[in-house]
N, C-alpha and C. Protein backbone atom coordinates (compact mmCIF):
# COMPACT_ATOMS: atom_id res chain seq x y z
N MET A 1 95.02 195.01 158.61
CA MET A 1 93.67 194.97 158.14
C MET A 1 92.85 194.09 159.07
N SER A 2 91.66 194.52 159.26
CA SER A 2 90.79 193.83 160.20
C SER A 2 89.78 192.98 159.46
N ASP A 3 89.36 191.89 160.09
CA ASP A 3 88.30 191.06 159.52
C ASP A 3 86.95 191.73 159.62
N GLU A 4 86.89 192.91 160.23
CA GLU A 4 85.64 193.63 160.33
C GLU A 4 85.35 194.42 159.06
N GLN A 5 86.27 194.42 158.12
CA GLN A 5 86.06 195.15 156.88
C GLN A 5 85.32 194.27 155.88
N PHE A 6 84.64 194.94 154.93
CA PHE A 6 83.82 194.24 153.96
C PHE A 6 84.40 194.39 152.57
N TYR A 7 84.15 193.40 151.74
CA TYR A 7 84.66 193.37 150.37
C TYR A 7 83.54 192.96 149.43
N TYR A 8 83.63 193.45 148.19
CA TYR A 8 82.67 193.08 147.16
C TYR A 8 83.39 192.21 146.15
N ASN A 9 82.78 191.09 145.79
CA ASN A 9 83.33 190.18 144.80
C ASN A 9 82.58 190.42 143.50
N PRO A 10 83.21 191.08 142.50
CA PRO A 10 82.50 191.37 141.25
C PRO A 10 82.18 190.13 140.43
N SER A 11 82.86 189.03 140.65
CA SER A 11 82.57 187.80 139.91
C SER A 11 81.27 187.15 140.36
N THR A 12 81.01 187.24 141.66
CA THR A 12 79.82 186.58 142.20
C THR A 12 78.74 187.57 142.62
N GLY A 13 79.12 188.84 142.81
CA GLY A 13 78.16 189.83 143.29
C GLY A 13 77.92 189.75 144.79
N GLU A 14 78.74 188.98 145.47
CA GLU A 14 78.57 188.79 146.91
C GLU A 14 79.43 189.75 147.71
N VAL A 15 78.93 190.10 148.89
CA VAL A 15 79.69 190.88 149.86
C VAL A 15 80.17 189.92 150.94
N THR A 16 81.45 190.00 151.25
CA THR A 16 82.01 189.14 152.29
C THR A 16 82.64 189.99 153.37
N GLN A 17 82.72 189.42 154.54
CA GLN A 17 83.42 190.08 155.63
C GLN A 17 84.77 189.42 155.75
N GLY A 18 85.82 190.24 155.62
CA GLY A 18 87.17 189.69 155.60
C GLY A 18 87.58 189.33 154.19
N MET A 19 88.87 189.08 154.00
CA MET A 19 89.41 188.77 152.67
C MET A 19 89.21 187.30 152.35
N GLN A 20 88.06 186.96 151.79
CA GLN A 20 87.76 185.57 151.48
C GLN A 20 88.01 185.21 150.02
N ALA A 21 88.18 186.21 149.17
CA ALA A 21 88.45 185.97 147.75
C ALA A 21 89.84 186.47 147.42
N SER A 22 90.36 186.00 146.28
CA SER A 22 91.68 186.46 145.85
C SER A 22 91.61 187.93 145.48
N TRP A 23 92.76 188.59 145.40
CA TRP A 23 92.81 190.04 145.14
C TRP A 23 92.14 190.42 143.84
N ASP A 24 92.17 189.54 142.83
CA ASP A 24 91.58 189.90 141.54
C ASP A 24 90.07 189.72 141.51
N ASN A 25 89.50 189.20 142.58
CA ASN A 25 88.04 189.08 142.72
C ASN A 25 87.55 189.78 143.97
N ARG A 26 88.21 190.91 144.29
CA ARG A 26 87.87 191.58 145.54
C ARG A 26 87.98 193.09 145.36
N MET A 27 86.93 193.80 145.72
CA MET A 27 86.95 195.26 145.73
C MET A 27 86.78 195.68 147.18
N GLY A 28 87.60 196.61 147.61
CA GLY A 28 87.49 197.06 148.98
C GLY A 28 88.87 197.28 149.55
N PRO A 29 88.96 197.48 150.81
CA PRO A 29 87.96 197.23 151.84
C PRO A 29 86.99 198.40 152.02
N TYR A 30 85.82 198.06 152.55
CA TYR A 30 84.81 199.04 152.90
C TYR A 30 84.49 198.87 154.38
N ASP A 31 84.12 199.97 155.01
CA ASP A 31 83.84 199.94 156.45
C ASP A 31 82.51 199.28 156.78
N THR A 32 81.55 199.36 155.85
CA THR A 32 80.22 198.80 156.13
C THR A 32 79.79 197.88 154.99
N ARG A 33 78.85 197.01 155.28
CA ARG A 33 78.29 196.12 154.27
C ARG A 33 77.60 196.94 153.18
N GLU A 34 76.94 198.03 153.57
CA GLU A 34 76.23 198.87 152.61
C GLU A 34 77.19 199.50 151.61
N GLU A 35 78.35 199.96 152.08
CA GLU A 35 79.35 200.52 151.18
C GLU A 35 79.85 199.45 150.21
N ALA A 36 80.09 198.26 150.70
CA ALA A 36 80.55 197.16 149.85
C ALA A 36 79.50 196.81 148.81
N GLU A 37 78.23 196.84 149.19
CA GLU A 37 77.15 196.55 148.24
C GLU A 37 77.10 197.59 147.13
N ALA A 38 77.55 198.81 147.42
CA ALA A 38 77.55 199.89 146.44
C ALA A 38 78.90 200.03 145.75
N ALA A 39 79.75 199.02 145.82
CA ALA A 39 81.12 199.09 145.30
C ALA A 39 81.16 199.48 143.82
N LEU A 40 80.29 198.93 143.01
CA LEU A 40 80.31 199.24 141.58
C LEU A 40 79.91 200.69 141.32
N GLN A 41 78.94 201.19 142.07
CA GLN A 41 78.53 202.59 141.93
C GLN A 41 79.64 203.53 142.41
N ILE A 42 80.28 203.17 143.50
CA ILE A 42 81.39 203.98 144.03
C ILE A 42 82.52 204.02 143.02
N ALA A 43 82.85 202.87 142.44
CA ALA A 43 83.92 202.81 141.44
C ALA A 43 83.56 203.63 140.21
N ALA A 44 82.30 203.57 139.78
CA ALA A 44 81.87 204.35 138.61
C ALA A 44 81.99 205.84 138.88
N GLN A 45 81.61 206.27 140.08
CA GLN A 45 81.72 207.69 140.44
C GLN A 45 83.18 208.12 140.47
N ARG A 46 84.03 207.30 141.06
CA ARG A 46 85.45 207.63 141.13
C ARG A 46 86.07 207.67 139.74
N ASN A 47 85.68 206.74 138.87
CA ASN A 47 86.19 206.75 137.50
C ASN A 47 85.76 207.99 136.75
N LYS A 48 84.50 208.38 136.93
CA LYS A 48 83.99 209.59 136.27
C LYS A 48 84.77 210.82 136.74
N GLN A 49 85.02 210.90 138.04
CA GLN A 49 85.77 212.02 138.59
C GLN A 49 87.21 212.02 138.05
N ALA A 50 87.84 210.86 138.02
CA ALA A 50 89.22 210.76 137.52
C ALA A 50 89.28 211.11 136.03
N ASP A 51 88.29 210.66 135.25
CA ASP A 51 88.25 211.00 133.82
C ASP A 51 88.11 212.50 133.63
N SER A 52 87.29 213.13 134.46
CA SER A 52 87.11 214.58 134.38
C SER A 52 88.41 215.31 134.70
N GLU A 53 89.11 214.84 135.71
CA GLU A 53 90.40 215.44 136.08
C GLU A 53 91.42 215.23 134.97
N ASP A 54 91.43 214.05 134.36
CA ASP A 54 92.34 213.79 133.24
C ASP A 54 92.03 214.71 132.07
N GLU A 55 90.75 214.92 131.80
CA GLU A 55 90.35 215.79 130.70
C GLU A 55 90.83 217.22 130.94
N ARG A 56 90.70 217.68 132.19
CA ARG A 56 91.20 219.02 132.52
C ARG A 56 92.71 219.08 132.35
N ASP A 57 93.42 218.05 132.78
CA ASP A 57 94.88 218.00 132.65
C ASP A 57 95.31 217.99 131.18
N ASP A 58 94.50 217.37 130.32
CA ASP A 58 94.85 217.26 128.91
C ASP A 58 94.57 218.54 128.13
N ASN A 59 93.85 219.46 128.74
CA ASN A 59 93.51 220.70 128.05
C ASN A 59 94.64 221.71 128.24
N TRP A 60 95.57 221.71 127.31
CA TRP A 60 96.75 222.57 127.40
C TRP A 60 96.54 223.89 126.67
N GLY A 61 95.36 224.10 126.14
CA GLY A 61 95.11 225.33 125.41
C GLY A 61 95.30 225.12 123.92
N ALA A 62 95.61 226.19 123.22
CA ALA A 62 95.78 226.14 121.78
C ALA A 62 96.99 225.30 121.39
N ALA A 63 96.84 224.63 120.25
CA ALA A 63 97.94 223.82 119.73
C ALA A 63 99.06 224.74 119.25
N PRO A 64 100.31 224.31 119.33
CA PRO A 64 101.42 225.12 118.83
C PRO A 64 101.25 225.37 117.34
N SER A 65 101.86 226.43 116.85
CA SER A 65 101.68 226.86 115.46
C SER A 65 102.06 225.77 114.45
N TRP A 66 103.07 224.95 114.76
CA TRP A 66 103.48 223.93 113.82
C TRP A 66 102.50 222.75 113.75
N GLU A 67 101.55 222.67 114.68
CA GLU A 67 100.55 221.60 114.65
C GLU A 67 99.22 222.07 114.06
N GLN A 68 99.08 223.32 113.76
CA GLN A 68 97.80 223.82 113.28
C GLN A 68 97.60 223.63 111.81
């Protein structure tokens, strides 16, 4: 990992270059400062996409006859 990467600290709202915070206070790495600044939006989009995929996976069709 390079010190040229950026990280977002959700506790402070700060963007840092390099790993300056502990892993539990660090989101990233991101290639640009702008991406790191948008870390919460990126995470929200990824969560929404993952939830949608989970919902599709959970749709097995009709319930078996013994569950109806």
